[in-house]
Structure formats: C-alpha cells, structure tokens
Amino acid sequence: MLEIMQKAKDIRLLVTDVDGVLTDGSLYFGNSGEEIKAFSILDGLGIKLLRDTGIDTAIITGRVSDLVARRAGELKISTIYQGREDKITALRELSGDCGIPLSQIAYVGDDLPDLAAIRAAGLGVAVANAHAFVVEHADWQTSARGGAGAIREVCELIMKAQDTLLDAWEQYL
C-alpha cells in the first residue's frame, strides 16, 4: 500500500471512464429511445471534495451521451472526451492539452478498452467489478463497484496520500 500512496501523492488529475465506473454499467432505454443512466451521489461528492483540494477531474468515454455531459456539468468537470474508444490516445492528448504528465494522472476504468490507459497512467485503478484481466494490470482496485462509490474511494485515496482528506471531512463538522 505504501507504493500506491506514493503514486497517489503525485496525482494532479483524475480521469475516469463512465459506463461501469461512474455508473454500474447498465444501459436503460425507454420506449421513446431515451437513454437513462444512474450516477452515484457518493462519487459526486468525492469529485467535489477532490476538486476543492486543487485536483481536477476529466472524463474519457467510448460512448456519446447528453446525460454524461449533463452530469459532468453538474460536477464542474469541464474536460470530457466522448466517443473515444481508443482511450490511450485520448489520455495522451489530454495529458498534452493540460500539460500534466501521465505520471501525475490517475485513470479509473473497468474493462478492456480502459486497459492501456490504466497501464500508462501514474496511478491505474480498476473498480471492484472490473474485468479480471484489467484488475491484473491495475496498480490498485477499489472495494466499491462502479456506480456505487468507487470514484469516491479513489478521490479519498488521493486526498489521504496528499494529506487533505481530514480537512475535507472536517468542514462538515
């Protein structure tokens, strides 16, 4: 765990997939063709707390969804790469665009399209319900499933490593 904490200490940007990470991976379609996704409020508060410490968050997702843009807006996530199935190329572009080296980026994913990005990031994380091959190549695995607080866990890991977690919690006392 010491090695994970050292990697987390250097993180300046958290990048996350959507389906299976910010959501449980289920896709719901209504009779009128509308798409419905469920996002965890635990993850939302984790992202807010992390942002308040100066760590930004970005999204890279293979699908394109107005719901993702809406949720990102609610969470003040300004960098969203949608329709990007080649996640490693998108991650490298993001790294260049924001001037943050891959070694200072955490990437959270759940399935094979996330694998190269997980391996390239300074801290590669798989959610609890990630594919076994992805878990095998990740630096760390959450105990929470995607869409059920996994991102909150990652946010709190980074904040703990950077000694900002207790201050973030204490504001609620």
C-alpha atoms as a PDB file:
ATOM      1  CA  MET A   1       0.000   0.000   0.000  1.00  0.00           C
ATOM      2  CA  LEU A   2       2.958   2.311   0.555  1.00  0.00           C
ATOM      3  CA  GLU A   3       3.748   2.273  -3.187  1.00  0.00           C
ATOM      4  CA  ILE A   4       0.105   3.126  -4.026  1.00  0.00           C
ATOM      5  CA  MET A   5       0.112   6.010  -1.550  1.00  0.00           C
ATOM      6  CA  GLN A   6       3.319   7.358  -3.101  1.00  0.00           C
ATOM      7  CA  LYS A   7       1.775   7.223  -6.575  1.00  0.00           C
ATOM      8  CA  ALA A   8      -1.407   8.890  -5.282  1.00  0.00           C
ATOM      9  CA  LYS A   9       0.629  11.640  -3.638  1.00  0.00           C
ATOM     10  CA  ASP A  10       1.848  12.810  -7.061  1.00  0.00           C
ATOM     11  CA  ILE A  11      -1.587  12.896  -8.773  1.00  0.00           C
ATOM     12  CA  ARG A  12      -2.716  16.224 -10.252  1.00  0.00           C
ATOM     13  CA  LEU A  13      -5.572  14.946 -12.474  1.00  0.00           C
ATOM     14  CA  LEU A  14      -8.152  12.171 -12.050  1.00  0.00           C
ATOM     15  CA  VAL A  15      -9.513  10.713 -15.293  1.00  0.00           C
ATOM     16  CA  THR A  16     -12.443   8.336 -15.308  1.00  0.00           C
ATOM     17  CA  ASP A  17     -14.407   6.189 -17.699  1.00  0.00           C
ATOM     18  CA  VAL A  18     -18.211   6.421 -17.423  1.00  0.00           C
ATOM     19  CA  ASP A  19     -20.086   3.155 -18.043  1.00  0.00           C
ATOM     20  CA  GLY A  20     -19.064   0.670 -15.380  1.00  0.00           C
ATOM     21  CA  VAL A  21     -17.147   3.293 -13.380  1.00  0.00           C
ATOM     22  CA  LEU A  22     -19.317   6.378 -12.817  1.00  0.00           C
ATOM     23  CA  THR A  23     -22.326   4.129 -13.456  1.00  0.00           C
ATOM     24  CA  ASP A  24     -22.928   0.447 -12.754  1.00  0.00           C
ATOM     25  CA  GLY A  25     -22.542  -0.277 -16.461  1.00  0.00           C
ATOM     26  CA  SER A  26     -26.230  -0.864 -17.110  1.00  0.00           C
ATOM     27  CA  LEU A  27     -27.807   0.947 -20.042  1.00  0.00           C
ATOM     28  CA  TYR A  28     -31.519   1.706 -19.822  1.00  0.00           C
ATOM     29  CA  PHE A  29     -33.523   2.694 -22.883  1.00  0.00           C
ATOM     30  CA  GLY A  30     -37.105   3.952 -22.737  1.00  0.00           C
ATOM     31  CA  ASN A  31     -39.759   3.203 -25.343  1.00  0.00           C
ATOM     32  CA  SER A  32     -39.212   6.652 -26.852  1.00  0.00           C
ATOM     33  CA  GLY A  33     -35.493   5.953 -27.315  1.00  0.00           C
ATOM     34  CA  GLU A  34     -34.315   7.981 -24.326  1.00  0.00           C
ATOM     35  CA  GLU A  35     -31.249   6.717 -22.514  1.00  0.00           C
ATOM     36  CA  ILE A  36     -31.142   6.595 -18.716  1.00  0.00           C
ATOM     37  CA  LYS A  37     -28.063   6.189 -16.502  1.00  0.00           C
ATOM     38  CA  ALA A  38     -27.741   6.213 -12.722  1.00  0.00           C
ATOM     39  CA  PHE A  39     -24.830   8.095 -11.138  1.00  0.00           C
ATOM     40  CA  SER A  40     -23.764   7.733  -7.509  1.00  0.00           C
ATOM     41  CA  ILE A  41     -24.039  10.778  -5.265  1.00  0.00           C
ATOM     42  CA  LEU A  42     -21.123   9.324  -3.285  1.00  0.00           C
ATOM     43  CA  ASP A  43     -18.924   9.706  -6.351  1.00  0.00           C
ATOM     44  CA  GLY A  44     -20.256  13.200  -6.971  1.00  0.00           C
ATOM     45  CA  LEU A  45     -19.282  14.414  -3.512  1.00  0.00           C
ATOM     46  CA  GLY A  46     -15.897  12.709  -3.822  1.00  0.00           C
ATOM     47  CA  ILE A  47     -15.214  14.607  -7.050  1.00  0.00           C
ATOM     48  CA  LYS A  48     -16.304  17.881  -5.442  1.00  0.00           C
ATOM     49  CA  LEU A  49     -14.076  17.317  -2.404  1.00  0.00           C
ATOM     50  CA  LEU A  50     -11.125  16.409  -4.626  1.00  0.00           C
ATOM     51  CA  ARG A  51     -11.679  19.463  -6.833  1.00  0.00           C
ATOM     52  CA  ASP A  52     -11.725  21.653  -3.713  1.00  0.00           C
ATOM     53  CA  THR A  53      -8.175  20.444  -2.969  1.00  0.00           C
ATOM     54  CA  GLY A  54      -6.992  21.596  -6.401  1.00  0.00           C
ATOM     55  CA  ILE A  55      -7.119  18.235  -8.209  1.00  0.00           C
ATOM     56  CA  ASP A  56      -9.106  18.381 -11.439  1.00  0.00           C
ATOM     57  CA  THR A  57     -11.196  15.583 -12.960  1.00  0.00           C
ATOM     58  CA  ALA A  58     -11.754  14.619 -16.594  1.00  0.00           C
ATOM     59  CA  ILE A  59     -13.837  12.010 -18.409  1.00  0.00           C
ATOM     60  CA  ILE A  60     -12.884   9.756 -21.314  1.00  0.00           C
ATOM     61  CA  THR A  61     -15.706   7.556 -22.585  1.00  0.00           C
ATOM     62  CA  GLY A  62     -16.302   5.439 -25.654  1.00  0.00           C
ATOM     63  CA  ARG A  63     -19.984   6.344 -25.869  1.00  0.00           C
ATOM     64  CA  VAL A  64     -21.557   9.713 -26.616  1.00  0.00           C
ATOM     65  CA  SER A  65     -24.321  10.775 -24.269  1.00  0.00           C
ATOM     66  CA  ASP A  66     -26.062  14.023 -23.382  1.00  0.00           C
ATOM     67  CA  LEU A  67     -26.513  12.571 -19.895  1.00  0.00           C
ATOM     68  CA  VAL A  68     -22.747  12.369 -19.415  1.00  0.00           C
ATOM     69  CA  ALA A  69     -22.341  15.999 -20.476  1.00  0.00           C
ATOM     70  CA  ARG A  70     -25.120  16.994 -18.079  1.00  0.00           C
ATOM     71  CA  ARG A  71     -23.624  15.093 -15.138  1.00  0.00           C
ATOM     72  CA  ALA A  72     -20.171  16.460 -15.905  1.00  0.00           C
ATOM     73  CA  GLY A  73     -21.624  19.967 -15.905  1.00  0.00           C
ATOM     74  CA  GLU A  74     -23.255  19.379 -12.525  1.00  0.00           C
ATOM     75  CA  LEU A  75     -19.884  18.232 -11.155  1.00  0.00           C
ATOM     76  CA  LYS A  76     -17.979  21.072 -12.868  1.00  0.00           C
ATOM     77  CA  ILE A  77     -15.943  18.621 -14.934  1.00  0.00           C
ATOM     78  CA  SER A  78     -15.007  20.723 -17.935  1.00  0.00           C
ATOM     79  CA  THR A  79     -12.875  18.217 -19.833  1.00  0.00           C
ATOM     80  CA  ILE A  80     -14.897  15.455 -21.450  1.00  0.00           C
ATOM     81  CA  TYR A  81     -13.755  13.271 -24.321  1.00  0.00           C
ATOM     82  CA  GLN A  82     -16.816  11.389 -25.621  1.00  0.00           C
ATOM     83  CA  GLY A  83     -16.909   8.853 -28.443  1.00  0.00           C
ATOM     84  CA  ARG A  84     -13.282   7.937 -27.774  1.00  0.00           C
ATOM     85  CA  GLU A  85     -12.878   4.177 -27.871  1.00  0.00           C
ATOM     86  CA  ASP A  86      -9.078   4.490 -28.126  1.00  0.00           C
ATOM     87  CA  LYS A  87      -8.664   5.585 -24.520  1.00  0.00           C
ATOM     88  CA  ILE A  88      -4.843   5.639 -24.507  1.00  0.00           C
ATOM     89  CA  THR A  89      -4.729   8.061 -27.431  1.00  0.00           C
ATOM     90  CA  ALA A  90      -7.321  10.247 -25.722  1.00  0.00           C
ATOM     91  CA  LEU A  91      -5.376  10.104 -22.437  1.00  0.00           C
ATOM     92  CA  ARG A  92      -2.151  11.145 -24.165  1.00  0.00           C
ATOM     93  CA  GLU A  93      -3.982  14.028 -25.869  1.00  0.00           C
ATOM     94  CA  LEU A  94      -5.464  15.083 -22.553  1.00  0.00           C
ATOM     95  CA  SER A  95      -2.057  14.945 -20.905  1.00  0.00           C
ATOM     96  CA  GLY A  96      -0.620  17.199 -23.604  1.00  0.00           C
ATOM     97  CA  ASP A  97      -3.604  19.559 -23.639  1.00  0.00           C
ATOM     98  CA  CYS A  98      -3.480  20.164 -19.879  1.00  0.00           C
ATOM     99  CA  GLY A  99       0.306  19.989 -19.515  1.00  0.00           C
ATOM    100  CA  ILE A 100       0.192  17.234 -16.896  1.00  0.00           C
ATOM    101  CA  PRO A 101       2.492  14.245 -17.445  1.00  0.00           C
ATOM    102  CA  LEU A 102       0.964  10.772 -17.453  1.00  0.00           C
ATOM    103  CA  SER A 103       2.896  10.027 -14.248  1.00  0.00           C
ATOM    104  CA  GLN A 104       0.720  12.607 -12.450  1.00  0.00           C
ATOM    105  CA  ILE A 105      -2.595  11.321 -13.798  1.00  0.00           C
ATOM    106  CA  ALA A 106      -4.812   8.671 -12.204  1.00  0.00           C
ATOM    107  CA  TYR A 107      -7.048   6.729 -14.575  1.00  0.00           C
ATOM    108  CA  VAL A 108     -10.011   4.632 -13.401  1.00  0.00           C
ATOM    109  CA  GLY A 109     -11.588   2.002 -15.635  1.00  0.00           C
ATOM    110  CA  ASP A 110     -13.398  -1.307 -15.657  1.00  0.00           C
ATOM    111  CA  ASP A 111     -12.980  -3.113 -18.955  1.00  0.00           C
ATOM    112  CA  LEU A 112     -10.598  -3.947 -21.786  1.00  0.00           C
ATOM    113  CA  PRO A 113     -10.900  -0.595 -23.640  1.00  0.00           C
ATOM    114  CA  ASP A 114      -9.502   1.059 -20.456  1.00  0.00           C
ATOM    115  CA  LEU A 115      -6.538  -1.281 -20.099  1.00  0.00           C
ATOM    116  CA  ALA A 116      -3.869   0.690 -21.991  1.00  0.00           C
ATOM    117  CA  ALA A 117      -4.852   3.923 -20.218  1.00  0.00           C
ATOM    118  CA  ILE A 118      -4.740   2.194 -16.822  1.00  0.00           C
ATOM    119  CA  ARG A 119      -1.263   0.899 -17.595  1.00  0.00           C
ATOM    120  CA  ALA A 120       0.016   4.249 -18.881  1.00  0.00           C
ATOM    121  CA  ALA A 121      -1.266   6.400 -16.027  1.00  0.00           C
ATOM    122  CA  GLY A 122       0.803   7.198 -12.965  1.00  0.00           C
ATOM    123  CA  LEU A 123      -1.917   5.502 -10.908  1.00  0.00           C
ATOM    124  CA  GLY A 124      -4.017   2.938 -12.779  1.00  0.00           C
ATOM    125  CA  VAL A 125      -7.162   1.890 -10.928  1.00  0.00           C
ATOM    126  CA  ALA A 126      -9.719  -0.833 -11.588  1.00  0.00           C
ATOM    127  CA  VAL A 127     -13.127  -0.763  -9.906  1.00  0.00           C
ATOM    128  CA  ALA A 128     -14.252  -3.754  -7.814  1.00  0.00           C
ATOM    129  CA  ASN A 129     -16.325  -5.238 -10.634  1.00  0.00           C
ATOM    130  CA  ALA A 130     -13.700  -4.714 -13.337  1.00  0.00           C
ATOM    131  CA  HIS A 131     -12.764  -7.467 -15.762  1.00  0.00           C
ATOM    132  CA  ALA A 132     -10.155  -9.806 -14.206  1.00  0.00           C
ATOM    133  CA  PHE A 133      -7.541  -9.064 -16.885  1.00  0.00           C
ATOM    134  CA  VAL A 134      -7.890  -5.331 -16.199  1.00  0.00           C
ATOM    135  CA  VAL A 135      -7.515  -5.900 -12.456  1.00  0.00           C
ATOM    136  CA  GLU A 136      -4.359  -7.917 -13.101  1.00  0.00           C
ATOM    137  CA  HIS A 137      -2.737  -4.898 -14.783  1.00  0.00           C
ATOM    138  CA  ALA A 138      -4.011  -2.131 -12.489  1.00  0.00           C
ATOM    139  CA  ASP A 139      -1.958  -0.634  -9.662  1.00  0.00           C
ATOM    140  CA  TRP A 140      -4.923  -0.725  -7.300  1.00  0.00           C
ATOM    141  CA  GLN A 141      -8.522  -1.974  -7.141  1.00  0.00           C
ATOM    142  CA  THR A 142     -11.371  -0.293  -5.283  1.00  0.00           C
ATOM    143  CA  SER A 143     -13.559  -2.255  -2.894  1.00  0.00           C
ATOM    144  CA  ALA A 144     -16.650  -0.430  -4.206  1.00  0.00           C
ATOM    145  CA  ARG A 145     -18.222  -1.349  -7.517  1.00  0.00           C
ATOM    146  CA  GLY A 146     -18.532   1.070 -10.411  1.00  0.00           C
ATOM    147  CA  GLY A 147     -21.506   3.372  -9.896  1.00  0.00           C
ATOM    148  CA  ALA A 148     -21.559   2.574  -6.177  1.00  0.00           C
ATOM    149  CA  GLY A 149     -18.845   4.785  -4.700  1.00  0.00           C
ATOM    150  CA  ALA A 150     -15.714   3.539  -6.477  1.00  0.00           C
ATOM    151  CA  ILE A 151     -14.726   7.036  -7.612  1.00  0.00           C
ATOM    152  CA  ARG A 152     -15.306   8.368  -4.085  1.00  0.00           C
ATOM    153  CA  GLU A 153     -12.818   5.740  -2.880  1.00  0.00           C
ATOM    154  CA  VAL A 154     -10.234   6.876  -5.412  1.00  0.00           C
ATOM    155  CA  CYS A 155     -10.769  10.543  -4.538  1.00  0.00           C
ATOM    156  CA  GLU A 156     -10.316   9.807  -0.844  1.00  0.00           C
ATOM    157  CA  LEU A 157      -7.207   7.700  -1.528  1.00  0.00           C
ATOM    158  CA  ILE A 158      -5.636  10.639  -3.378  1.00  0.00           C
ATOM    159  CA  MET A 159      -6.664  13.101  -0.669  1.00  0.00           C
ATOM    160  CA  LYS A 160      -5.312  10.835   2.075  1.00  0.00           C
ATOM    161  CA  ALA A 161      -1.984  10.496   0.247  1.00  0.00           C
ATOM    162  CA  GLN A 162      -1.827  14.280  -0.199  1.00  0.00           C
ATOM    163  CA  ASP A 163      -2.815  14.919   3.428  1.00  0.00           C
ATOM    164  CA  THR A 164      -6.004  16.811   2.536  1.00  0.00           C
ATOM    165  CA  LEU A 165      -8.651  14.233   3.472  1.00  0.00           C
ATOM    166  CA  LEU A 166      -9.223  15.173   7.119  1.00  0.00           C
ATOM    167  CA  ASP A 167      -9.558  18.860   6.248  1.00  0.00           C
ATOM    168  CA  ALA A 168     -12.122  17.938   3.590  1.00  0.00           C
ATOM    169  CA  TRP A 169     -14.136  15.909   6.096  1.00  0.00           C
ATOM    170  CA  GLU A 170     -13.833  18.393   8.936  1.00  0.00           C
ATOM    171  CA  GLN A 171     -15.645  21.110   7.009  1.00  0.00           C
ATOM    172  CA  TYR A 172     -18.803  19.064   7.649  1.00  0.00           C
ATOM    173  CA  LEU A 173     -18.438  19.069  11.445  1.00  0.00           C
END
